[in-house]
Amino acid sequence: MNFYDKKVRRLISVIILVVILAMVATMVIPYLI
């Protein structure tokens, strides 16, 4: 797998972003409910 390929880097960055958003959501949502 070529980590320097732009599609791969974009895919990895999107996955990391989704994971961070999920972590933030799990911390914030209980306070909102």
PDB file of N, CA and C in Angstrom:
ATOM      1  N   MET A   1       0.848  -1.184   0.000  1.00  0.00           N
ATOM      2  CA  MET A   1       0.000   0.000   0.000  1.00  0.00           C
ATOM      3  C   MET A   1       0.889   1.242   0.000  1.00  0.00           C
ATOM      4  N   ASN A   2       0.603   2.158  -0.896  1.00  0.00           N
ATOM      5  CA  ASN A   2       1.448   3.349  -1.048  1.00  0.00           C
ATOM      6  C   ASN A   2       0.893   4.497  -0.214  1.00  0.00           C
ATOM      7  N   PHE A   3       1.594   4.811   0.874  1.00  0.00           N
ATOM      8  CA  PHE A   3       1.124   5.862   1.776  1.00  0.00           C
ATOM      9  C   PHE A   3       1.300   7.263   1.186  1.00  0.00           C
ATOM     10  N   TYR A   4       2.077   7.363   0.113  1.00  0.00           N
ATOM     11  CA  TYR A   4       2.301   8.683  -0.483  1.00  0.00           C
ATOM     12  C   TYR A   4       1.298   8.974  -1.594  1.00  0.00           C
ATOM     13  N   ASP A   5       0.420   8.006  -1.857  1.00  0.00           N
ATOM     14  CA  ASP A   5      -0.633   8.230  -2.841  1.00  0.00           C
ATOM     15  C   ASP A   5      -1.661   9.192  -2.243  1.00  0.00           C
ATOM     16  N   LYS A   6      -2.113  10.143  -3.055  1.00  0.00           N
ATOM     17  CA  LYS A   6      -3.005  11.175  -2.521  1.00  0.00           C
ATOM     18  C   LYS A   6      -4.334  10.597  -2.064  1.00  0.00           C
ATOM     19  N   LYS A   7      -4.851   9.599  -2.786  1.00  0.00           N
ATOM     20  CA  LYS A   7      -6.126   8.998  -2.388  1.00  0.00           C
ATOM     21  C   LYS A   7      -5.993   8.319  -1.038  1.00  0.00           C
ATOM     22  N   VAL A   8      -4.876   7.625  -0.820  1.00  0.00           N
ATOM     23  CA  VAL A   8      -4.655   6.911   0.441  1.00  0.00           C
ATOM     24  C   VAL A   8      -4.529   7.907   1.584  1.00  0.00           C
ATOM     25  N   ARG A   9      -3.779   8.979   1.363  1.00  0.00           N
ATOM     26  CA  ARG A   9      -3.607   9.990   2.413  1.00  0.00           C
ATOM     27  C   ARG A   9      -4.938  10.645   2.744  1.00  0.00           C
ATOM     28  N   ARG A  10      -5.738  10.920   1.718  1.00  0.00           N
ATOM     29  CA  ARG A  10      -7.041  11.540   1.953  1.00  0.00           C
ATOM     30  C   ARG A  10      -7.946  10.585   2.716  1.00  0.00           C
ATOM     31  N   LEU A  11      -7.917   9.305   2.345  1.00  0.00           N
ATOM     32  CA  LEU A  11      -8.732   8.295   3.025  1.00  0.00           C
ATOM     33  C   LEU A  11      -8.348   8.195   4.491  1.00  0.00           C
ATOM     34  N   ILE A  12      -7.033   8.151   4.768  1.00  0.00           N
ATOM     35  CA  ILE A  12      -6.552   8.052   6.149  1.00  0.00           C
ATOM     36  C   ILE A  12      -6.949   9.297   6.939  1.00  0.00           C
ATOM     37  N   SER A  13      -6.808  10.473   6.331  1.00  0.00           N
ATOM     38  CA  SER A  13      -7.152  11.710   7.038  1.00  0.00           C
ATOM     39  C   SER A  13      -8.648  11.771   7.335  1.00  0.00           C
ATOM     40  N   VAL A  14      -9.473  11.279   6.410  1.00  0.00           N
ATOM     41  CA  VAL A  14     -10.924  11.258   6.629  1.00  0.00           C
ATOM     42  C   VAL A  14     -11.270  10.300   7.758  1.00  0.00           C
ATOM     43  N   ILE A  15     -10.623   9.128   7.778  1.00  0.00           N
ATOM     44  CA  ILE A  15     -10.879   8.148   8.841  1.00  0.00           C
ATOM     45  C   ILE A  15     -10.502   8.732  10.200  1.00  0.00           C
ATOM     46  N   ILE A  16      -9.335   9.382  10.283  1.00  0.00           N
ATOM     47  CA  ILE A  16      -8.885   9.990  11.541  1.00  0.00           C
ATOM     48  C   ILE A  16      -9.871  11.073  11.980  1.00  0.00           C
ATOM     49  N   LEU A  17     -10.326  11.881  11.025  1.00  0.00           N
ATOM     50  CA  LEU A  17     -11.277  12.948  11.334  1.00  0.00           C
ATOM     51  C   LEU A  17     -12.578  12.375  11.882  1.00  0.00           C
ATOM     52  N   VAL A  18     -13.070  11.300  11.258  1.00  0.00           N
ATOM     53  CA  VAL A  18     -14.308  10.657  11.714  1.00  0.00           C
ATOM     54  C   VAL A  18     -14.137  10.093  13.119  1.00  0.00           C
ATOM     55  N   VAL A  19     -12.978   9.484  13.389  1.00  0.00           N
ATOM     56  CA  VAL A  19     -12.718   8.922  14.720  1.00  0.00           C
ATOM     57  C   VAL A  19     -12.708  10.030  15.774  1.00  0.00           C
ATOM     58  N   ILE A  20     -12.048  11.154  15.475  1.00  0.00           N
ATOM     59  CA  ILE A  20     -11.989  12.276  16.413  1.00  0.00           C
ATOM     60  C   ILE A  20     -13.392  12.851  16.646  1.00  0.00           C
ATOM     61  N   LEU A  21     -14.159  13.006  15.562  1.00  0.00           N
ATOM     62  CA  LEU A  21     -15.522  13.515  15.702  1.00  0.00           C
ATOM     63  C   LEU A  21     -16.377  12.573  16.536  1.00  0.00           C
ATOM     64  N   ALA A  22     -16.197  11.274  16.350  1.00  0.00           N
ATOM     65  CA  ALA A  22     -16.956  10.293  17.127  1.00  0.00           C
ATOM     66  C   ALA A  22     -16.602  10.390  18.608  1.00  0.00           C
ATOM     67  N   MET A  23     -15.316  10.551  18.909  1.00  0.00           N
ATOM     68  CA  MET A  23     -14.881  10.684  20.301  1.00  0.00           C
ATOM     69  C   MET A  23     -15.459  11.948  20.930  1.00  0.00           C
ATOM     70  N   VAL A  24     -15.407  13.056  20.208  1.00  0.00           N
ATOM     71  CA  VAL A  24     -15.956  14.316  20.711  1.00  0.00           C
ATOM     72  C   VAL A  24     -17.468  14.191  20.901  1.00  0.00           C
ATOM     73  N   ALA A  25     -18.137  13.546  19.949  1.00  0.00           N
ATOM     74  CA  ALA A  25     -19.588  13.379  20.031  1.00  0.00           C
ATOM     75  C   ALA A  25     -19.971  12.556  21.257  1.00  0.00           C
ATOM     76  N   THR A  26     -19.233  11.487  21.534  1.00  0.00           N
ATOM     77  CA  THR A  26     -19.556  10.648  22.690  1.00  0.00           C
ATOM     78  C   THR A  26     -19.315  11.405  23.996  1.00  0.00           C
ATOM     79  N   MET A  27     -18.421  12.380  23.983  1.00  0.00           N
ATOM     80  CA  MET A  27     -18.188  13.179  25.193  1.00  0.00           C
ATOM     81  C   MET A  27     -19.243  14.280  25.341  1.00  0.00           C
ATOM     82  N   VAL A  28     -19.694  14.852  24.226  1.00  0.00           N
ATOM     83  CA  VAL A  28     -20.571  16.026  24.264  1.00  0.00           C
ATOM     84  C   VAL A  28     -22.050  15.648  24.352  1.00  0.00           C
ATOM     85  N   ILE A  29     -22.469  14.613  23.616  1.00  0.00           N
ATOM     86  CA  ILE A  29     -23.893  14.254  23.528  1.00  0.00           C
ATOM     87  C   ILE A  29     -24.546  13.990  24.892  1.00  0.00           C
ATOM     88  N   PRO A  30     -23.902  13.267  25.824  1.00  0.00           N
ATOM     89  CA  PRO A  30     -24.548  13.057  27.132  1.00  0.00           C
ATOM     90  C   PRO A  30     -24.872  14.358  27.873  1.00  0.00           C
ATOM     91  N   TYR A  31     -24.077  15.402  27.649  1.00  0.00           N
ATOM     92  CA  TYR A  31     -24.347  16.684  28.306  1.00  0.00           C
ATOM     93  C   TYR A  31     -25.528  17.408  27.654  1.00  0.00           C
ATOM     94  N   LEU A  32     -25.747  17.142  26.369  1.00  0.00           N
ATOM     95  CA  LEU A  32     -26.823  17.822  25.647  1.00  0.00           C
ATOM     96  C   LEU A  32     -28.180  17.200  25.949  1.00  0.00           C
ATOM     97  N   ILE A  33     -28.178  15.900  26.220  1.00  0.00           N
ATOM     98  CA  ILE A  33     -29.444  15.194  26.467  1.00  0.00           C
ATOM     99  C   ILE A  33     -29.920  15.487  27.891  1.00  0.00           C
TER     100      ILE A  33
END
